[in-house]
Amino acid sequence: LDSTCGISDEELTQRFKESIRIDDEVRRIKGLP
């Protein structure tokens, strides 16, 4: 899977963490828990 997508496990983990951070920020802006 890594060789076909070209994304390392570390980069994928970092992207996942960033997506969660962005989602948390959007929820706070919207007033959601």
PDB file of all heavy atoms in Angstrom:
ATOM      1  N   LEU A   1       0.821  -1.194   0.000  1.00  0.00           N
ATOM      2  CA  LEU A   1       0.000   0.000   0.000  1.00  0.00           C
ATOM      3  C   LEU A   1       0.866   1.260   0.000  1.00  0.00           C
ATOM      4  O   LEU A   1       0.596   2.207  -0.731  1.00  0.00           O
ATOM      5  CB  LEU A   1      -0.935   0.008   1.211  1.00  0.00           C
ATOM      6  CG  LEU A   1      -1.926   1.153   1.296  1.00  0.00           C
ATOM      7  CD1 LEU A   1      -2.849   1.160   0.086  1.00  0.00           C
ATOM      8  CD2 LEU A   1      -2.749   1.046   2.567  1.00  0.00           C
ATOM      9  N   ASP A   2       1.938   1.257   0.793  1.00  0.00           N
ATOM     10  CA  ASP A   2       2.828   2.408   0.829  1.00  0.00           C
ATOM     11  C   ASP A   2       3.484   2.642  -0.526  1.00  0.00           C
ATOM     12  O   ASP A   2       3.617   3.775  -0.971  1.00  0.00           O
ATOM     13  CB  ASP A   2       3.922   2.217   1.884  1.00  0.00           C
ATOM     14  CG  ASP A   2       3.378   2.287   3.294  1.00  0.00           C
ATOM     15  OD1 ASP A   2       2.322   2.920   3.485  1.00  0.00           O
ATOM     16  OD2 ASP A   2       4.013   1.712   4.187  1.00  0.00           O
ATOM     17  N   SER A   3       3.894   1.566  -1.169  1.00  0.00           N
ATOM     18  CA  SER A   3       4.595   1.737  -2.436  1.00  0.00           C
ATOM     19  C   SER A   3       3.667   2.216  -3.538  1.00  0.00           C
ATOM     20  O   SER A   3       4.093   2.889  -4.461  1.00  0.00           O
ATOM     21  CB  SER A   3       5.281   0.433  -2.848  1.00  0.00           C
ATOM     22  OG  SER A   3       4.314  -0.579  -3.074  1.00  0.00           O
ATOM     23  N   THR A   4       2.381   1.911  -3.462  1.00  0.00           N
ATOM     24  CA  THR A   4       1.457   2.375  -4.494  1.00  0.00           C
ATOM     25  C   THR A   4       0.973   3.789  -4.233  1.00  0.00           C
ATOM     26  O   THR A   4       0.708   4.526  -5.159  1.00  0.00           O
ATOM     27  CB  THR A   4       0.235   1.439  -4.616  1.00  0.00           C
ATOM     28  OG1 THR A   4      -0.431   1.366  -3.375  1.00  0.00           O
ATOM     29  CG2 THR A   4       0.651   0.056  -5.081  1.00  0.00           C
ATOM     30  N   CYS A   5       0.864   4.196  -2.982  1.00  0.00           N
ATOM     31  CA  CYS A   5       0.383   5.545  -2.665  1.00  0.00           C
ATOM     32  C   CYS A   5       1.523   6.539  -2.509  1.00  0.00           C
ATOM     33  O   CYS A   5       1.315   7.739  -2.630  1.00  0.00           O
ATOM     34  CB  CYS A   5      -0.441   5.530  -1.381  1.00  0.00           C
ATOM     35  SG  CYS A   5      -1.976   4.619  -1.536  1.00  0.00           S
ATOM     36  N   GLY A   6       2.679   6.069  -2.179  1.00  0.00           N
ATOM     37  CA  GLY A   6       3.822   6.948  -1.998  1.00  0.00           C
ATOM     38  C   GLY A   6       3.798   7.729  -0.701  1.00  0.00           C
ATOM     39  O   GLY A   6       4.463   8.754  -0.577  1.00  0.00           O
ATOM     40  N   ILE A   7       3.022   7.285   0.272  1.00  0.00           N
ATOM     41  CA  ILE A   7       2.928   7.979   1.552  1.00  0.00           C
ATOM     42  C   ILE A   7       3.485   7.070   2.641  1.00  0.00           C
ATOM     43  O   ILE A   7       3.053   5.930   2.791  1.00  0.00           O
ATOM     44  CB  ILE A   7       1.459   8.337   1.873  1.00  0.00           C
ATOM     45  CG1 ILE A   7       0.904   9.272   0.809  1.00  0.00           C
ATOM     46  CG2 ILE A   7       1.352   8.985   3.241  1.00  0.00           C
ATOM     47  CD1 ILE A   7      -0.567   9.563   0.960  1.00  0.00           C
ATOM     48  N   SER A   8       4.424   7.602   3.396  1.00  0.00           N
ATOM     49  CA  SER A   8       5.006   6.813   4.480  1.00  0.00           C
ATOM     50  C   SER A   8       4.035   6.759   5.656  1.00  0.00           C
ATOM     51  O   SER A   8       3.103   7.560   5.763  1.00  0.00           O
ATOM     52  CB  SER A   8       6.320   7.435   4.938  1.00  0.00           C
ATOM     53  OG  SER A   8       6.069   8.670   5.573  1.00  0.00           O
ATOM     54  N   ASP A   9       4.256   5.806   6.547  1.00  0.00           N
ATOM     55  CA  ASP A   9       3.417   5.682   7.738  1.00  0.00           C
ATOM     56  C   ASP A   9       3.493   6.956   8.580  1.00  0.00           C
ATOM     57  O   ASP A   9       2.486   7.404   9.129  1.00  0.00           O
ATOM     58  CB  ASP A   9       3.838   4.486   8.582  1.00  0.00           C
ATOM     59  CG  ASP A   9       3.448   3.158   7.957  1.00  0.00           C
ATOM     60  OD1 ASP A   9       2.602   3.163   7.038  1.00  0.00           O
ATOM     61  OD2 ASP A   9       3.989   2.126   8.396  1.00  0.00           O
ATOM     62  N   GLU A  10       4.681   7.521   8.694  1.00  0.00           N
ATOM     63  CA  GLU A  10       4.855   8.734   9.491  1.00  0.00           C
ATOM     64  C   GLU A  10       4.066   9.898   8.901  1.00  0.00           C
ATOM     65  O   GLU A  10       3.409  10.647   9.619  1.00  0.00           O
ATOM     66  CB  GLU A  10       6.344   9.103   9.591  1.00  0.00           C
ATOM     67  CG  GLU A  10       7.175   8.127  10.389  1.00  0.00           C
ATOM     68  CD  GLU A  10       7.613   6.911   9.566  1.00  0.00           C
ATOM     69  OE1 GLU A  10       7.545   6.960   8.317  1.00  0.00           O
ATOM     70  OE2 GLU A  10       8.007   5.915  10.173  1.00  0.00           O
ATOM     71  N   GLU A  11       4.121  10.061   7.587  1.00  0.00           N
ATOM     72  CA  GLU A  11       3.390  11.151   6.942  1.00  0.00           C
ATOM     73  C   GLU A  11       1.882  10.935   7.063  1.00  0.00           C
ATOM     74  O   GLU A  11       1.134  11.879   7.320  1.00  0.00           O
ATOM     75  CB  GLU A  11       3.775  11.270   5.473  1.00  0.00           C
ATOM     76  CG  GLU A  11       3.109  12.452   4.782  1.00  0.00           C
ATOM     77  CD  GLU A  11       3.528  12.603   3.333  1.00  0.00           C
ATOM     78  OE1 GLU A  11       4.447  11.898   2.894  1.00  0.00           O
ATOM     79  OE2 GLU A  11       2.917  13.441   2.652  1.00  0.00           O
ATOM     80  N   LEU A  12       1.441   9.713   6.908  1.00  0.00           N
ATOM     81  CA  LEU A  12       0.023   9.407   7.043  1.00  0.00           C
ATOM     82  C   LEU A  12      -0.457   9.698   8.458  1.00  0.00           C
ATOM     83  O   LEU A  12      -1.534  10.283   8.655  1.00  0.00           O
ATOM     84  CB  LEU A  12      -0.231   7.943   6.686  1.00  0.00           C
ATOM     85  CG  LEU A  12      -1.673   7.516   6.557  1.00  0.00           C
ATOM     86  CD1 LEU A  12      -2.403   8.321   5.491  1.00  0.00           C
ATOM     87  CD2 LEU A  12      -1.750   6.036   6.233  1.00  0.00           C
ATOM     88  N   THR A  13       0.331   9.333   9.453  1.00  0.00           N
ATOM     89  CA  THR A  13      -0.011   9.611  10.850  1.00  0.00           C
ATOM     90  C   THR A  13      -0.093  11.107  11.085  1.00  0.00           C
ATOM     91  O   THR A  13      -1.028  11.593  11.729  1.00  0.00           O
ATOM     92  CB  THR A  13       1.025   8.977  11.796  1.00  0.00           C
ATOM     93  OG1 THR A  13       1.036   7.567  11.587  1.00  0.00           O
ATOM     94  CG2 THR A  13       0.708   9.281  13.250  1.00  0.00           C
ATOM     95  N   GLN A  14       0.868  11.860  10.555  1.00  0.00           N
ATOM     96  CA  GLN A  14       0.869  13.314  10.719  1.00  0.00           C
ATOM     97  C   GLN A  14      -0.355  13.939  10.061  1.00  0.00           C
ATOM     98  O   GLN A  14      -0.984  14.834  10.623  1.00  0.00           O
ATOM     99  CB  GLN A  14       2.156  13.912  10.134  1.00  0.00           C
ATOM    100  CG  GLN A  14       2.362  15.349  10.498  1.00  0.00           C
ATOM    101  CD  GLN A  14       2.484  15.553  11.997  1.00  0.00           C
ATOM    102  OE1 GLN A  14       2.990  14.712  12.722  1.00  0.00           O
ATOM    103  NE2 GLN A  14       2.006  16.679  12.474  1.00  0.00           N
ATOM    104  N   ARG A  15      -0.718  13.478   8.883  1.00  0.00           N
ATOM    105  CA  ARG A  15      -1.903  13.992   8.190  1.00  0.00           C
ATOM    106  C   ARG A  15      -3.170  13.694   8.981  1.00  0.00           C
ATOM    107  O   ARG A  15      -4.078  14.516   9.055  1.00  0.00           O
ATOM    108  CB  ARG A  15      -2.021  13.381   6.794  1.00  0.00           C
ATOM    109  CG  ARG A  15      -1.010  13.919   5.821  1.00  0.00           C
ATOM    110  CD  ARG A  15      -1.235  13.331   4.454  1.00  0.00           C
ATOM    111  NE  ARG A  15      -0.239  13.769   3.496  1.00  0.00           N
ATOM    112  CZ  ARG A  15      -0.350  13.586   2.196  1.00  0.00           C
ATOM    113  NH1 ARG A  15      -1.387  12.955   1.688  1.00  0.00           N
ATOM    114  NH2 ARG A  15       0.593  14.023   1.383  1.00  0.00           N
ATOM    115  N   PHE A  16      -3.251  12.496   9.570  1.00  0.00           N
ATOM    116  CA  PHE A  16      -4.406  12.127  10.376  1.00  0.00           C
ATOM    117  C   PHE A  16      -4.530  13.036  11.594  1.00  0.00           C
ATOM    118  O   PHE A  16      -5.606  13.558  11.887  1.00  0.00           O
ATOM    119  CB  PHE A  16      -4.298  10.661  10.808  1.00  0.00           C
ATOM    120  CG  PHE A  16      -5.404  10.226  11.710  1.00  0.00           C
ATOM    121  CD1 PHE A  16      -6.670   9.964  11.206  1.00  0.00           C
ATOM    122  CD2 PHE A  16      -5.185  10.084  13.071  1.00  0.00           C
ATOM    123  CE1 PHE A  16      -7.702   9.572  12.039  1.00  0.00           C
ATOM    124  CE2 PHE A  16      -6.202   9.690  13.908  1.00  0.00           C
ATOM    125  CZ  PHE A  16      -7.462   9.435  13.391  1.00  0.00           C
ATOM    126  N   LYS A  17      -3.425  13.252  12.303  1.00  0.00           N
ATOM    127  CA  LYS A  17      -3.441  14.122  13.481  1.00  0.00           C
ATOM    128  C   LYS A  17      -3.868  15.541  13.114  1.00  0.00           C
ATOM    129  O   LYS A  17      -4.629  16.174  13.842  1.00  0.00           O
ATOM    130  CB  LYS A  17      -2.061  14.147  14.147  1.00  0.00           C
ATOM    131  CG  LYS A  17      -1.723  12.869  14.872  1.00  0.00           C
ATOM    132  CD  LYS A  17      -0.343  12.958  15.484  1.00  0.00           C
ATOM    133  CE  LYS A  17       0.042  11.696  16.208  1.00  0.00           C
ATOM    134  NZ  LYS A  17       1.393  11.789  16.797  1.00  0.00           N
ATOM    135  N   GLU A  18      -3.385  16.036  11.990  1.00  0.00           N
ATOM    136  CA  GLU A  18      -3.742  17.381  11.544  1.00  0.00           C
ATOM    137  C   GLU A  18      -5.226  17.455  11.185  1.00  0.00           C
ATOM    138  O   GLU A  18      -5.894  18.447  11.480  1.00  0.00           O
ATOM    139  CB  GLU A  18      -2.886  17.791  10.351  1.00  0.00           C
ATOM    140  CG  GLU A  18      -3.118  19.194   9.868  1.00  0.00           C
ATOM    141  CD  GLU A  18      -2.735  20.284  10.851  1.00  0.00           C
ATOM    142  OE1 GLU A  18      -2.087  19.992  11.883  1.00  0.00           O
ATOM    143  OE2 GLU A  18      -3.086  21.445  10.595  1.00  0.00           O
ATOM    144  N   SER A  19      -5.769  16.408  10.575  1.00  0.00           N
ATOM    145  CA  SER A  19      -7.190  16.419  10.222  1.00  0.00           C
ATOM    146  C   SER A  19      -8.058  16.435  11.482  1.00  0.00           C
ATOM    147  O   SER A  19      -9.101  17.105  11.514  1.00  0.00           O
ATOM    148  CB  SER A  19      -7.544  15.227   9.339  1.00  0.00           C
ATOM    149  OG  SER A  19      -7.509  14.025  10.059  1.00  0.00           O
ATOM    150  N   ILE A  20      -7.643  15.742  12.520  1.00  0.00           N
ATOM    151  CA  ILE A  20      -8.377  15.748  13.781  1.00  0.00           C
ATOM    152  C   ILE A  20      -8.302  17.130  14.423  1.00  0.00           C
ATOM    153  O   ILE A  20      -9.303  17.652  14.922  1.00  0.00           O
ATOM    154  CB  ILE A  20      -7.831  14.676  14.750  1.00  0.00           C
ATOM    155  CG1 ILE A  20      -8.025  13.280  14.174  1.00  0.00           C
ATOM    156  CG2 ILE A  20      -8.474  14.795  16.133  1.00  0.00           C
ATOM    157  CD1 ILE A  20      -9.469  12.905  13.909  1.00  0.00           C
ATOM    158  N   ARG A  21      -7.138  17.763  14.389  1.00  0.00           N
ATOM    159  CA  ARG A  21      -6.987  19.107  14.948  1.00  0.00           C
ATOM    160  C   ARG A  21      -7.902  20.099  14.234  1.00  0.00           C
ATOM    161  O   ARG A  21      -8.594  20.903  14.871  1.00  0.00           O
ATOM    162  CB  ARG A  21      -5.534  19.577  14.842  1.00  0.00           C
ATOM    163  CG  ARG A  21      -5.279  20.915  15.554  1.00  0.00           C
ATOM    164  CD  ARG A  21      -3.948  21.531  15.172  1.00  0.00           C
ATOM    165  NE  ARG A  21      -3.876  21.920  13.779  1.00  0.00           N
ATOM    166  CZ  ARG A  21      -4.495  22.999  13.255  1.00  0.00           C
ATOM    167  NH1 ARG A  21      -5.234  23.775  14.000  1.00  0.00           N
ATOM    168  NH2 ARG A  21      -4.365  23.280  11.970  1.00  0.00           N
ATOM    169  N   ILE A  22      -7.950  20.020  12.917  1.00  0.00           N
ATOM    170  CA  ILE A  22      -8.805  20.917  12.136  1.00  0.00           C
ATOM    171  C   ILE A  22     -10.270  20.665  12.459  1.00  0.00           C
ATOM    172  O   ILE A  22     -11.051  21.601  12.639  1.00  0.00           O
ATOM    173  CB  ILE A  22      -8.523  20.764  10.629  1.00  0.00           C
ATOM    174  CG1 ILE A  22      -7.135  21.303  10.309  1.00  0.00           C
ATOM    175  CG2 ILE A  22      -9.586  21.465   9.798  1.00  0.00           C
ATOM    176  CD1 ILE A  22      -6.638  20.968   8.916  1.00  0.00           C
ATOM    177  N   ASP A  23     -10.662  19.393  12.554  1.00  0.00           N
ATOM    178  CA  ASP A  23     -12.049  19.062  12.882  1.00  0.00           C
ATOM    179  C   ASP A  23     -12.422  19.599  14.262  1.00  0.00           C
ATOM    180  O   ASP A  23     -13.515  20.144  14.443  1.00  0.00           O
ATOM    181  CB  ASP A  23     -12.259  17.551  12.824  1.00  0.00           C
ATOM    182  CG  ASP A  23     -13.702  17.160  13.064  1.00  0.00           C
ATOM    183  OD1 ASP A  23     -14.574  17.629  12.298  1.00  0.00           O
ATOM    184  OD2 ASP A  23     -13.956  16.403  14.017  1.00  0.00           O
ATOM    185  N   ASP A  24     -11.529  19.463  15.245  1.00  0.00           N
ATOM    186  CA  ASP A  24     -11.789  19.993  16.585  1.00  0.00           C
ATOM    187  C   ASP A  24     -11.976  21.509  16.541  1.00  0.00           C
ATOM    188  O   ASP A  24     -12.858  22.063  17.194  1.00  0.00           O
ATOM    189  CB  ASP A  24     -10.641  19.647  17.536  1.00  0.00           C
ATOM    190  CG  ASP A  24     -10.617  18.186  17.938  1.00  0.00           C
ATOM    191  OD1 ASP A  24     -11.559  17.444  17.576  1.00  0.00           O
ATOM    192  OD2 ASP A  24      -9.641  17.784  18.596  1.00  0.00           O
ATOM    193  N   GLU A  25     -11.150  22.187  15.768  1.00  0.00           N
ATOM    194  CA  GLU A  25     -11.238  23.642  15.655  1.00  0.00           C
ATOM    195  C   GLU A  25     -12.564  24.064  15.015  1.00  0.00           C
ATOM    196  O   GLU A  25     -13.218  24.999  15.486  1.00  0.00           O
ATOM    197  CB  GLU A  25     -10.064  24.160  14.819  1.00  0.00           C
ATOM    198  CG  GLU A  25      -9.925  25.655  14.821  1.00  0.00           C
ATOM    199  CD  GLU A  25      -8.669  26.111  14.117  1.00  0.00           C
ATOM    200  OE1 GLU A  25      -7.614  25.468  14.301  1.00  0.00           O
ATOM    201  OE2 GLU A  25      -8.747  27.107  13.387  1.00  0.00           O
ATOM    202  N   VAL A  26     -12.983  23.364  13.972  1.00  0.00           N
ATOM    203  CA  VAL A  26     -14.262  23.665  13.313  1.00  0.00           C
ATOM    204  C   VAL A  26     -15.418  23.453  14.285  1.00  0.00           C
ATOM    205  O   VAL A  26     -16.343  24.269  14.360  1.00  0.00           O
ATOM    206  CB  VAL A  26     -14.436  22.805  12.042  1.00  0.00           C
ATOM    207  CG1 VAL A  26     -15.849  22.895  11.501  1.00  0.00           C
ATOM    208  CG2 VAL A  26     -13.443  23.226  10.971  1.00  0.00           C
ATOM    209  N   ARG A  27     -15.364  22.371  15.057  1.00  0.00           N
ATOM    210  CA  ARG A  27     -16.440  22.095  16.017  1.00  0.00           C
ATOM    211  C   ARG A  27     -16.511  23.182  17.078  1.00  0.00           C
ATOM    212  O   ARG A  27     -17.601  23.584  17.489  1.00  0.00           O
ATOM    213  CB  ARG A  27     -16.244  20.717  16.654  1.00  0.00           C
ATOM    214  CG  ARG A  27     -16.429  19.575  15.649  1.00  0.00           C
ATOM    215  CD  ARG A  27     -16.267  18.208  16.291  1.00  0.00           C
ATOM    216  NE  ARG A  27     -17.304  17.930  17.257  1.00  0.00           N
ATOM    217  CZ  ARG A  27     -18.538  17.529  16.930  1.00  0.00           C
ATOM    218  NH1 ARG A  27     -18.874  17.375  15.681  1.00  0.00           N
ATOM    219  NH2 ARG A  27     -19.427  17.281  17.873  1.00  0.00           N
ATOM    220  N   ARG A  28     -15.375  23.669  17.544  1.00  0.00           N
ATOM    221  CA  ARG A  28     -15.374  24.745  18.540  1.00  0.00           C
ATOM    222  C   ARG A  28     -15.976  26.026  17.959  1.00  0.00           C
ATOM    223  O   ARG A  28     -16.737  26.716  18.629  1.00  0.00           O
ATOM    224  CB  ARG A  28     -13.959  25.010  19.040  1.00  0.00           C
ATOM    225  CG  ARG A  28     -13.484  23.961  20.012  1.00  0.00           C
ATOM    226  CD  ARG A  28     -12.194  24.356  20.714  1.00  0.00           C
ATOM    227  NE  ARG A  28     -11.731  23.261  21.543  1.00  0.00           N
ATOM    228  CZ  ARG A  28     -10.766  22.422  21.211  1.00  0.00           C
ATOM    229  NH1 ARG A  28     -10.123  22.556  20.082  1.00  0.00           N
ATOM    230  NH2 ARG A  28     -10.419  21.444  22.013  1.00  0.00           N
ATOM    231  N   ILE A  29     -15.611  26.347  16.721  1.00  0.00           N
ATOM    232  CA  ILE A  29     -16.151  27.540  16.065  1.00  0.00           C
ATOM    233  C   ILE A  29     -17.666  27.441  15.944  1.00  0.00           C
ATOM    234  O   ILE A  29     -18.387  28.422  16.130  1.00  0.00           O
ATOM    235  CB  ILE A  29     -15.494  27.748  14.686  1.00  0.00           C
ATOM    236  CG1 ILE A  29     -14.028  28.152  14.867  1.00  0.00           C
ATOM    237  CG2 ILE A  29     -16.245  28.780  13.858  1.00  0.00           C
ATOM    238  CD1 ILE A  29     -13.209  28.113  13.593  1.00  0.00           C
ATOM    239  N   LYS A  30     -18.160  26.250  15.650  1.00  0.00           N
ATOM    240  CA  LYS A  30     -19.605  26.035  15.504  1.00  0.00           C
ATOM    241  C   LYS A  30     -20.315  25.912  16.845  1.00  0.00           C
ATOM    242  O   LYS A  30     -21.532  25.821  16.894  1.00  0.00           O
ATOM    243  CB  LYS A  30     -19.870  24.770  14.686  1.00  0.00           C
ATOM    244  CG  LYS A  30     -19.499  24.909  13.229  1.00  0.00           C
ATOM    245  CD  LYS A  30     -19.820  23.640  12.470  1.00  0.00           C
ATOM    246  CE  LYS A  30     -19.542  23.790  10.996  1.00  0.00           C
ATOM    247  NZ  LYS A  30     -19.891  22.567  10.246  1.00  0.00           N
ATOM    248  N   GLY A  31     -19.561  25.875  17.939  1.00  0.00           N
ATOM    249  CA  GLY A  31     -20.157  25.766  19.262  1.00  0.00           C
ATOM    250  C   GLY A  31     -20.510  24.345  19.659  1.00  0.00           C
ATOM    251  O   GLY A  31     -21.316  24.136  20.564  1.00  0.00           O
ATOM    252  N   LEU A  32     -19.927  23.367  19.000  1.00  0.00           N
ATOM    253  CA  LEU A  32     -20.206  21.965  19.275  1.00  0.00           C
ATOM    254  C   LEU A  32     -19.152  21.385  20.216  1.00  0.00           C
ATOM    255  O   LEU A  32     -18.001  21.808  20.208  1.00  0.00           O
ATOM    256  CB  LEU A  32     -20.217  21.169  17.974  1.00  0.00           C
ATOM    257  CG  LEU A  32     -21.249  21.609  16.932  1.00  0.00           C
ATOM    258  CD1 LEU A  32     -21.005  20.885  15.616  1.00  0.00           C
ATOM    259  CD2 LEU A  32     -22.640  21.360  17.442  1.00  0.00           C
ATOM    260  N   PRO A  33     -19.524  20.387  21.020  1.00  0.00           N
ATOM    261  CA  PRO A  33     -18.539  19.779  21.916  1.00  0.00           C
ATOM    262  C   PRO A  33     -17.572  18.870  21.167  1.00  0.00           C
ATOM    263  O   PRO A  33     -17.860  18.399  20.073  1.00  0.00           O
ATOM    264  CB  PRO A  33     -19.406  18.964  22.872  1.00  0.00           C
ATOM    265  CG  PRO A  33     -20.623  18.638  22.091  1.00  0.00           C
ATOM    266  CD  PRO A  33     -20.859  19.814  21.191  1.00  0.00           C
TER     267      PRO A  33
END
